């Protein structure tokens, strides 16, 4: 039974705002959208575009900033170091160094692939997420409402990632799963021999890769986080705001 069913409309309203403006306390507490945007601008300008240059001795701040913008446009995607190096016109080593700086500064986080099979599953490429949706959206210059956006699914996935990261216990690990045939599951929570697959969708719909993963690893339960209500089955559909 859904414990939030009596106030789900408020949950959805606040969650849709959270998808766009993120979770920085000053931004959340500000009711005026223009002032929210201004606060996000101050955070990005003072911390990412100014403080990080002096803290980490970044030589070419323009190319560093360009990399941040490209990464912000790729949340939930596999990182291609060589492709980024060509796009920004810097070396692969510099791209790796800049990504490490962004990780250590809690701007981005990388997610590793889950694998038990060298032949079937990818093992090396990581996926990228931003720690805050508001920061990410300000960087790409788009704070428009979530329901009208082409990247709504990516925003939802980014929020769920951060929610899972906050909730996972010390001995648990978080991964994604993708085969060489491009079957993919957004998140796999692993603890010892136990694994829990979770897919993120804007709408409640069955997912072939989940069934494939469940058969392959003999998993009895999986989840789809979506922008709808709770439905219980062998694949349970859960409101994404439960994980925010």
C-alpha atoms as a PDB file:
ATOM      1  CA  UNK A   1       0.000   0.000   0.000  1.00  0.00           C
ATOM      2  CA  UNK A   2       1.219   3.497  -0.872  1.00  0.00           C
ATOM      3  CA  UNK A   3       1.905   5.421   2.390  1.00  0.00           C
ATOM      4  CA  UNK A   4       1.897   8.734   0.471  1.00  0.00           C
ATOM      5  CA  UNK A   5      -1.467   8.231  -1.276  1.00  0.00           C
ATOM      6  CA  UNK A   6      -3.279  10.890   0.803  1.00  0.00           C
ATOM      7  CA  UNK A   7      -0.916  13.694  -0.218  1.00  0.00           C
ATOM      8  CA  UNK A   8       0.429  12.474  -3.551  1.00  0.00           C
ATOM      9  CA  UNK A   9      -0.590  15.655  -5.415  1.00  0.00           C
ATOM     10  CA  UNK A  10       1.654  17.752  -3.179  1.00  0.00           C
ATOM     11  CA  UNK A  11       4.423  15.159  -3.531  1.00  0.00           C
ATOM     12  CA  UNK A  12       4.269  15.300  -7.319  1.00  0.00           C
ATOM     13  CA  UNK A  13       4.205  19.111  -7.341  1.00  0.00           C
ATOM     14  CA  UNK A  14       7.253  19.449  -5.096  1.00  0.00           C
ATOM     15  CA  UNK A  15       9.033  16.621  -6.882  1.00  0.00           C
ATOM     16  CA  UNK A  16       8.560  18.254 -10.298  1.00  0.00           C
ATOM     17  CA  UNK A  17      10.086  21.424  -8.871  1.00  0.00           C
ATOM     18  CA  UNK A  18      12.936  19.376  -7.401  1.00  0.00           C
ATOM     19  CA  UNK A  19      13.656  17.899 -10.853  1.00  0.00           C
ATOM     20  CA  UNK A  20      14.359  21.392 -12.155  1.00  0.00           C
ATOM     21  CA  UNK A  21      15.814  23.405  -9.280  1.00  0.00           C
ATOM     22  CA  UNK A  22      17.550  20.681  -7.283  1.00  0.00           C
ATOM     23  CA  UNK A  23      18.038  20.405  -3.567  1.00  0.00           C
ATOM     24  CA  UNK A  24      20.319  23.184  -2.330  1.00  0.00           C
ATOM     25  CA  UNK A  25      18.556  24.450   0.841  1.00  0.00           C
ATOM     26  CA  UNK A  26      18.579  28.148  -0.087  1.00  0.00           C
ATOM     27  CA  UNK A  27      17.154  27.338  -3.505  1.00  0.00           C
ATOM     28  CA  UNK A  28      14.487  24.993  -2.130  1.00  0.00           C
ATOM     29  CA  UNK A  29      13.323  27.496   0.493  1.00  0.00           C
ATOM     30  CA  UNK A  30      13.038  30.360  -1.988  1.00  0.00           C
ATOM     31  CA  UNK A  31       9.507  30.467  -3.453  1.00  0.00           C
ATOM     32  CA  UNK A  32      10.137  32.899  -6.319  1.00  0.00           C
ATOM     33  CA  UNK A  33      11.412  31.082  -9.441  1.00  0.00           C
ATOM     34  CA  UNK A  34      13.468  34.057 -10.656  1.00  0.00           C
ATOM     35  CA  UNK A  35      15.238  34.195  -7.302  1.00  0.00           C
ATOM     36  CA  UNK A  36      15.827  30.432  -7.422  1.00  0.00           C
ATOM     37  CA  UNK A  37      17.534  30.926 -10.777  1.00  0.00           C
ATOM     38  CA  UNK A  38      19.642  33.765  -9.394  1.00  0.00           C
ATOM     39  CA  UNK A  39      20.766  31.651  -6.423  1.00  0.00           C
ATOM     40  CA  UNK A  40      21.749  28.786  -8.716  1.00  0.00           C
ATOM     41  CA  UNK A  41      23.702  31.246 -10.843  1.00  0.00           C
ATOM     42  CA  UNK A  42      25.584  32.464  -7.795  1.00  0.00           C
ATOM     43  CA  UNK A  43      26.493  28.890  -6.780  1.00  0.00           C
ATOM     44  CA  UNK A  44      27.699  27.950 -10.266  1.00  0.00           C
ATOM     45  CA  UNK A  45      29.603  31.190 -10.784  1.00  0.00           C
ATOM     46  CA  UNK A  46      31.306  31.334  -7.384  1.00  0.00           C
ATOM     47  CA  UNK A  47      32.026  27.641  -6.853  1.00  0.00           C
ATOM     48  CA  UNK A  48      32.394  25.873 -10.212  1.00  0.00           C
ATOM     49  CA  UNK A  49      33.593  28.750 -12.392  1.00  0.00           C
ATOM     50  CA  UNK A  50      35.688  30.620  -9.827  1.00  0.00           C
ATOM     51  CA  UNK A  51      36.697  28.761  -6.650  1.00  0.00           C
ATOM     52  CA  UNK A  52      37.597  25.527  -8.415  1.00  0.00           C
ATOM     53  CA  UNK A  53      40.065  27.347 -10.662  1.00  0.00           C
ATOM     54  CA  UNK A  54      42.074  28.560  -7.684  1.00  0.00           C
ATOM     55  CA  UNK A  55      41.626  25.433  -5.565  1.00  0.00           C
ATOM     56  CA  UNK A  56      42.851  23.035  -8.251  1.00  0.00           C
ATOM     57  CA  UNK A  57      45.192  25.209 -10.309  1.00  0.00           C
ATOM     58  CA  UNK A  58      43.170  24.829 -13.489  1.00  0.00           C
ATOM     59  CA  UNK A  59      45.146  26.431 -16.290  1.00  0.00           C
ATOM     60  CA  UNK A  60      42.639  26.806 -19.120  1.00  0.00           C
ATOM     61  CA  UNK A  61      39.422  27.633 -17.298  1.00  0.00           C
ATOM     62  CA  UNK A  62      37.514  28.129 -20.558  1.00  0.00           C
ATOM     63  CA  UNK A  63      38.089  24.554 -21.672  1.00  0.00           C
ATOM     64  CA  UNK A  64      37.358  23.301 -18.166  1.00  0.00           C
ATOM     65  CA  UNK A  65      34.045  25.148 -18.215  1.00  0.00           C
ATOM     66  CA  UNK A  66      33.299  23.808 -21.698  1.00  0.00           C
ATOM     67  CA  UNK A  67      33.866  20.276 -20.441  1.00  0.00           C
ATOM     68  CA  UNK A  68      31.477  20.887 -17.531  1.00  0.00           C
ATOM     69  CA  UNK A  69      28.794  22.036 -19.988  1.00  0.00           C
ATOM     70  CA  UNK A  70      29.263  19.005 -22.230  1.00  0.00           C
ATOM     71  CA  UNK A  71      29.120  16.637 -19.248  1.00  0.00           C
ATOM     72  CA  UNK A  72      25.964  18.374 -18.012  1.00  0.00           C
ATOM     73  CA  UNK A  73      24.312  17.598 -21.348  1.00  0.00           C
ATOM     74  CA  UNK A  74      25.194  13.900 -20.995  1.00  0.00           C
ATOM     75  CA  UNK A  75      23.759  12.856 -17.608  1.00  0.00           C
ATOM     76  CA  UNK A  76      22.901   9.182 -17.515  1.00  0.00           C
ATOM     77  CA  UNK A  77      25.130   8.487 -20.526  1.00  0.00           C
ATOM     78  CA  UNK A  78      28.313   6.484 -20.935  1.00  0.00           C
ATOM     79  CA  UNK A  79      31.456   8.588 -20.720  1.00  0.00           C
ATOM     80  CA  UNK A  80      33.687   8.585 -23.794  1.00  0.00           C
ATOM     81  CA  UNK A  81      37.014  10.115 -22.771  1.00  0.00           C
ATOM     82  CA  UNK A  82      38.406  10.172 -26.315  1.00  0.00           C
ATOM     83  CA  UNK A  83      35.252  11.782 -27.681  1.00  0.00           C
ATOM     84  CA  UNK A  84      35.300  14.439 -24.973  1.00  0.00           C
ATOM     85  CA  UNK A  85      38.965  15.173 -25.648  1.00  0.00           C
ATOM     86  CA  UNK A  86      38.229  15.729 -29.338  1.00  0.00           C
ATOM     87  CA  UNK A  87      35.190  17.891 -28.633  1.00  0.00           C
ATOM     88  CA  UNK A  88      36.944  20.148 -26.104  1.00  0.00           C
ATOM     89  CA  UNK A  89      40.309  19.979 -27.922  1.00  0.00           C
ATOM     90  CA  UNK A  90      42.334  18.862 -24.933  1.00  0.00           C
ATOM     91  CA  UNK A  91      44.246  15.682 -24.154  1.00  0.00           C
ATOM     92  CA  UNK A  92      42.616  12.520 -22.822  1.00  0.00           C
ATOM     93  CA  UNK A  93      44.724  12.873 -19.667  1.00  0.00           C
ATOM     94  CA  UNK A  94      43.442  16.422 -19.114  1.00  0.00           C
ATOM     95  CA  UNK A  95      39.847  15.226 -19.534  1.00  0.00           C
ATOM     96  CA  UNK A  96      40.475  12.499 -16.943  1.00  0.00           C
ATOM     97  CA  UNK A  97      42.083  15.016 -14.572  1.00  0.00           C
ATOM     98  CA  UNK A  98      39.174  17.455 -14.921  1.00  0.00           C
ATOM     99  CA  UNK A  99      36.636  14.673 -14.346  1.00  0.00           C
ATOM    100  CA  UNK A 100      38.545  13.628 -11.221  1.00  0.00           C
ATOM    101  CA  UNK A 101      38.423  17.227  -9.961  1.00  0.00           C
ATOM    102  CA  UNK A 102      34.668  17.386 -10.535  1.00  0.00           C
ATOM    103  CA  UNK A 103      34.196  14.084  -8.702  1.00  0.00           C
ATOM    104  CA  UNK A 104      36.297  15.133  -5.724  1.00  0.00           C
ATOM    105  CA  UNK A 105      34.415  18.441  -5.578  1.00  0.00           C
ATOM    106  CA  UNK A 106      31.014  16.648  -5.442  1.00  0.00           C
ATOM    107  CA  UNK A 107      29.814  18.140  -8.704  1.00  0.00           C
ATOM    108  CA  UNK A 108      29.547  14.859 -10.596  1.00  0.00           C
ATOM    109  CA  UNK A 109      29.569  11.159  -9.788  1.00  0.00           C
ATOM    110  CA  UNK A 110      30.458   8.170 -11.958  1.00  0.00           C
ATOM    111  CA  UNK A 111      28.593   4.863 -11.945  1.00  0.00           C
ATOM    112  CA  UNK A 112      30.389   1.617 -12.827  1.00  0.00           C
ATOM    113  CA  UNK A 113      28.908  -1.303 -14.800  1.00  0.00           C
ATOM    114  CA  UNK A 114      27.744  -4.490 -13.112  1.00  0.00           C
ATOM    115  CA  UNK A 115      29.299  -7.552 -14.667  1.00  0.00           C
ATOM    116  CA  UNK A 116      29.805 -11.263 -14.090  1.00  0.00           C
ATOM    117  CA  UNK A 117      30.472 -12.121 -17.727  1.00  0.00           C
ATOM    118  CA  UNK A 118      33.414 -10.838 -19.758  1.00  0.00           C
ATOM    119  CA  UNK A 119      31.829 -12.068 -22.969  1.00  0.00           C
ATOM    120  CA  UNK A 120      28.346 -10.602 -22.613  1.00  0.00           C
ATOM    121  CA  UNK A 121      28.467  -7.476 -20.469  1.00  0.00           C
ATOM    122  CA  UNK A 122      30.460  -4.264 -20.766  1.00  0.00           C
ATOM    123  CA  UNK A 123      33.073  -3.853 -18.054  1.00  0.00           C
ATOM    124  CA  UNK A 124      34.898  -0.543 -18.480  1.00  0.00           C
ATOM    125  CA  UNK A 125      32.717   2.431 -19.442  1.00  0.00           C
ATOM    126  CA  UNK A 126      31.152   4.487 -16.631  1.00  0.00           C
ATOM    127  CA  UNK A 127      27.984   6.584 -16.632  1.00  0.00           C
ATOM    128  CA  UNK A 128      27.921  10.165 -15.413  1.00  0.00           C
ATOM    129  CA  UNK A 129      25.499  11.915 -13.064  1.00  0.00           C
ATOM    130  CA  UNK A 130      25.408  15.348 -11.432  1.00  0.00           C
ATOM    131  CA  UNK A 131      24.928  15.612  -7.687  1.00  0.00           C
ATOM    132  CA  UNK A 132      22.285  18.322  -8.116  1.00  0.00           C
ATOM    133  CA  UNK A 133      19.700  18.751 -10.878  1.00  0.00           C
ATOM    134  CA  UNK A 134      19.471  22.495 -10.369  1.00  0.00           C
ATOM    135  CA  UNK A 135      23.195  22.996 -10.903  1.00  0.00           C
ATOM    136  CA  UNK A 136      23.086  20.777 -13.971  1.00  0.00           C
ATOM    137  CA  UNK A 137      20.087  22.582 -15.458  1.00  0.00           C
ATOM    138  CA  UNK A 138      21.582  26.019 -14.844  1.00  0.00           C
ATOM    139  CA  UNK A 139      24.820  24.984 -16.553  1.00  0.00           C
ATOM    140  CA  UNK A 140      22.988  23.885 -19.720  1.00  0.00           C
ATOM    141  CA  UNK A 141      20.826  27.036 -19.558  1.00  0.00           C
ATOM    142  CA  UNK A 142      17.450  25.343 -19.214  1.00  0.00           C
ATOM    143  CA  UNK A 143      15.243  25.782 -16.147  1.00  0.00           C
ATOM    144  CA  UNK A 144      11.972  25.228 -17.983  1.00  0.00           C
ATOM    145  CA  UNK A 145       9.213  23.105 -16.343  1.00  0.00           C
ATOM    146  CA  UNK A 146       9.869  19.374 -16.237  1.00  0.00           C
ATOM    147  CA  UNK A 147       6.708  18.249 -18.024  1.00  0.00           C
ATOM    148  CA  UNK A 148       7.647  20.056 -21.247  1.00  0.00           C
ATOM    149  CA  UNK A 149      11.272  18.932 -21.490  1.00  0.00           C
ATOM    150  CA  UNK A 150      12.877  16.489 -23.905  1.00  0.00           C
ATOM    151  CA  UNK A 151      15.364  15.493 -21.181  1.00  0.00           C
ATOM    152  CA  UNK A 152      12.702  14.700 -18.577  1.00  0.00           C
ATOM    153  CA  UNK A 153      13.758  11.050 -18.452  1.00  0.00           C
ATOM    154  CA  UNK A 154      17.409  11.964 -17.872  1.00  0.00           C
ATOM    155  CA  UNK A 155      16.454  14.390 -15.089  1.00  0.00           C
ATOM    156  CA  UNK A 156      14.374  11.683 -13.431  1.00  0.00           C
ATOM    157  CA  UNK A 157      17.213   9.166 -13.689  1.00  0.00           C
ATOM    158  CA  UNK A 158      19.659  11.673 -12.211  1.00  0.00           C
ATOM    159  CA  UNK A 159      17.413  12.299  -9.195  1.00  0.00           C
ATOM    160  CA  UNK A 160      16.856   8.577  -8.596  1.00  0.00           C
ATOM    161  CA  UNK A 161      20.610   7.940  -8.810  1.00  0.00           C
ATOM    162  CA  UNK A 162      21.301  10.480  -6.078  1.00  0.00           C
ATOM    163  CA  UNK A 163      18.493   9.100  -3.952  1.00  0.00           C
ATOM    164  CA  UNK A 164      19.873   5.565  -4.215  1.00  0.00           C
ATOM    165  CA  UNK A 165      23.371   6.818  -3.481  1.00  0.00           C
ATOM    166  CA  UNK A 166      22.158   8.466  -0.264  1.00  0.00           C
ATOM    167  CA  UNK A 167      20.224   5.383   0.827  1.00  0.00           C
ATOM    168  CA  UNK A 168      22.654   2.579   0.085  1.00  0.00           C
ATOM    169  CA  UNK A 169      24.250   0.980   3.124  1.00  0.00           C
ATOM    170  CA  UNK A 170      27.966   0.639   3.784  1.00  0.00           C
ATOM    171  CA  UNK A 171      28.308  -2.883   2.365  1.00  0.00           C
ATOM    172  CA  UNK A 172      26.062  -2.231  -0.634  1.00  0.00           C
ATOM    173  CA  UNK A 173      27.241  -1.239  -4.097  1.00  0.00           C
ATOM    174  CA  UNK A 174      25.447   0.578  -6.863  1.00  0.00           C
ATOM    175  CA  UNK A 175      25.959  -0.197 -10.556  1.00  0.00           C
ATOM    176  CA  UNK A 176      24.248  -0.084 -13.920  1.00  0.00           C
ATOM    177  CA  UNK A 177      23.924  -3.067 -16.257  1.00  0.00           C
ATOM    178  CA  UNK A 178      24.382  -3.121 -20.013  1.00  0.00           C
ATOM    179  CA  UNK A 179      25.112  -5.952 -22.408  1.00  0.00           C
ATOM    180  CA  UNK A 180      27.107  -5.724 -25.602  1.00  0.00           C
ATOM    181  CA  UNK A 181      23.750  -6.062 -27.375  1.00  0.00           C
ATOM    182  CA  UNK A 182      22.739  -2.818 -25.598  1.00  0.00           C
ATOM    183  CA  UNK A 183      20.137  -4.270 -23.263  1.00  0.00           C
ATOM    184  CA  UNK A 184      20.354  -1.958 -20.251  1.00  0.00           C
ATOM    185  CA  UNK A 185      19.087  -1.492 -16.710  1.00  0.00           C
ATOM    186  CA  UNK A 186      19.630   1.885 -15.101  1.00  0.00           C
ATOM    187  CA  UNK A 187      20.592   0.685 -11.618  1.00  0.00           C
ATOM    188  CA  UNK A 188      21.610  -2.522  -9.886  1.00  0.00           C
ATOM    189  CA  UNK A 189      21.926  -2.492  -6.093  1.00  0.00           C
ATOM    190  CA  UNK A 190      24.263  -5.273  -4.997  1.00  0.00           C
ATOM    191  CA  UNK A 191      24.987  -6.709  -1.547  1.00  0.00           C
ATOM    192  CA  UNK A 192      26.929  -9.960  -1.521  1.00  0.00           C
ATOM    193  CA  UNK A 193      25.066 -12.420  -3.755  1.00  0.00           C
ATOM    194  CA  UNK A 194      21.850 -10.401  -3.597  1.00  0.00           C
ATOM    195  CA  UNK A 195      21.064  -8.004  -6.431  1.00  0.00           C
ATOM    196  CA  UNK A 196      18.095  -5.685  -6.948  1.00  0.00           C
ATOM    197  CA  UNK A 197      17.573  -4.222 -10.441  1.00  0.00           C
ATOM    198  CA  UNK A 198      15.759  -0.904 -10.868  1.00  0.00           C
ATOM    199  CA  UNK A 199      14.786   0.875 -14.053  1.00  0.00           C
ATOM    200  CA  UNK A 200      13.677   4.524 -14.315  1.00  0.00           C
ATOM    201  CA  UNK A 201      10.815   5.440 -16.653  1.00  0.00           C
ATOM    202  CA  UNK A 202       8.581   8.479 -17.018  1.00  0.00           C
ATOM    203  CA  UNK A 203       5.602   6.125 -17.543  1.00  0.00           C
ATOM    204  CA  UNK A 204       4.688   2.746 -16.087  1.00  0.00           C
ATOM    205  CA  UNK A 205       5.584   0.224 -18.749  1.00  0.00           C
ATOM    206  CA  UNK A 206       7.140  -3.222 -18.797  1.00  0.00           C
ATOM    207  CA  UNK A 207      10.834  -3.451 -19.571  1.00  0.00           C
ATOM    208  CA  UNK A 208      12.329  -6.374 -21.491  1.00  0.00           C
ATOM    209  CA  UNK A 209      15.834  -5.939 -20.051  1.00  0.00           C
ATOM    210  CA  UNK A 210      14.479  -6.315 -16.510  1.00  0.00           C
ATOM    211  CA  UNK A 211      12.960  -9.699 -17.355  1.00  0.00           C
ATOM    212  CA  UNK A 212      16.204 -10.721 -19.045  1.00  0.00           C
ATOM    213  CA  UNK A 213      18.264  -9.701 -16.012  1.00  0.00           C
ATOM    214  CA  UNK A 214      15.884 -11.465 -13.617  1.00  0.00           C
ATOM    215  CA  UNK A 215      16.152 -14.706 -15.577  1.00  0.00           C
ATOM    216  CA  UNK A 216      19.921 -14.472 -15.972  1.00  0.00           C
ATOM    217  CA  UNK A 217      20.650 -13.845 -12.281  1.00  0.00           C
ATOM    218  CA  UNK A 218      17.621 -15.647 -10.840  1.00  0.00           C
ATOM    219  CA  UNK A 219      16.234 -12.471  -9.279  1.00  0.00           C
ATOM    220  CA  UNK A 220      12.704 -12.681  -7.894  1.00  0.00           C
ATOM    221  CA  UNK A 221      11.996  -8.974  -7.523  1.00  0.00           C
ATOM    222  CA  UNK A 222      12.707  -5.817  -9.501  1.00  0.00           C
ATOM    223  CA  UNK A 223      11.457  -2.235  -9.606  1.00  0.00           C
ATOM    224  CA  UNK A 224      10.551   0.532 -12.001  1.00  0.00           C
ATOM    225  CA  UNK A 225      10.605   4.076 -10.598  1.00  0.00           C
ATOM    226  CA  UNK A 226       8.239   6.297 -12.578  1.00  0.00           C
ATOM    227  CA  UNK A 227       6.095   9.427 -12.502  1.00  0.00           C
ATOM    228  CA  UNK A 228       2.990   7.546 -11.469  1.00  0.00           C
ATOM    229  CA  UNK A 229       1.442   5.593  -8.631  1.00  0.00           C
ATOM    230  CA  UNK A 230       2.480   2.469  -6.761  1.00  0.00           C
ATOM    231  CA  UNK A 231       1.659  -0.909  -8.357  1.00  0.00           C
ATOM    232  CA  UNK A 232       2.835  -4.140  -6.756  1.00  0.00           C
ATOM    233  CA  UNK A 233       3.890  -7.227  -8.745  1.00  0.00           C
ATOM    234  CA  UNK A 234       7.026  -9.239  -9.510  1.00  0.00           C
ATOM    235  CA  UNK A 235       8.071  -5.959 -11.118  1.00  0.00           C
ATOM    236  CA  UNK A 236       6.831  -3.237  -8.752  1.00  0.00           C
ATOM    237  CA  UNK A 237       6.131   0.236 -10.103  1.00  0.00           C
ATOM    238  CA  UNK A 238       7.002   2.824  -7.468  1.00  0.00           C
ATOM    239  CA  UNK A 239       6.641   6.629  -7.475  1.00  0.00           C
ATOM    240  CA  UNK A 240      10.064   8.096  -8.227  1.00  0.00           C
ATOM    241  CA  UNK A 241       9.683  10.649  -5.440  1.00  0.00           C
ATOM    242  CA  UNK A 242       9.968   7.777  -2.922  1.00  0.00           C
ATOM    243  CA  UNK A 243      13.644   7.648  -3.860  1.00  0.00           C
ATOM    244  CA  UNK A 244      14.402  11.385  -4.081  1.00  0.00           C
END
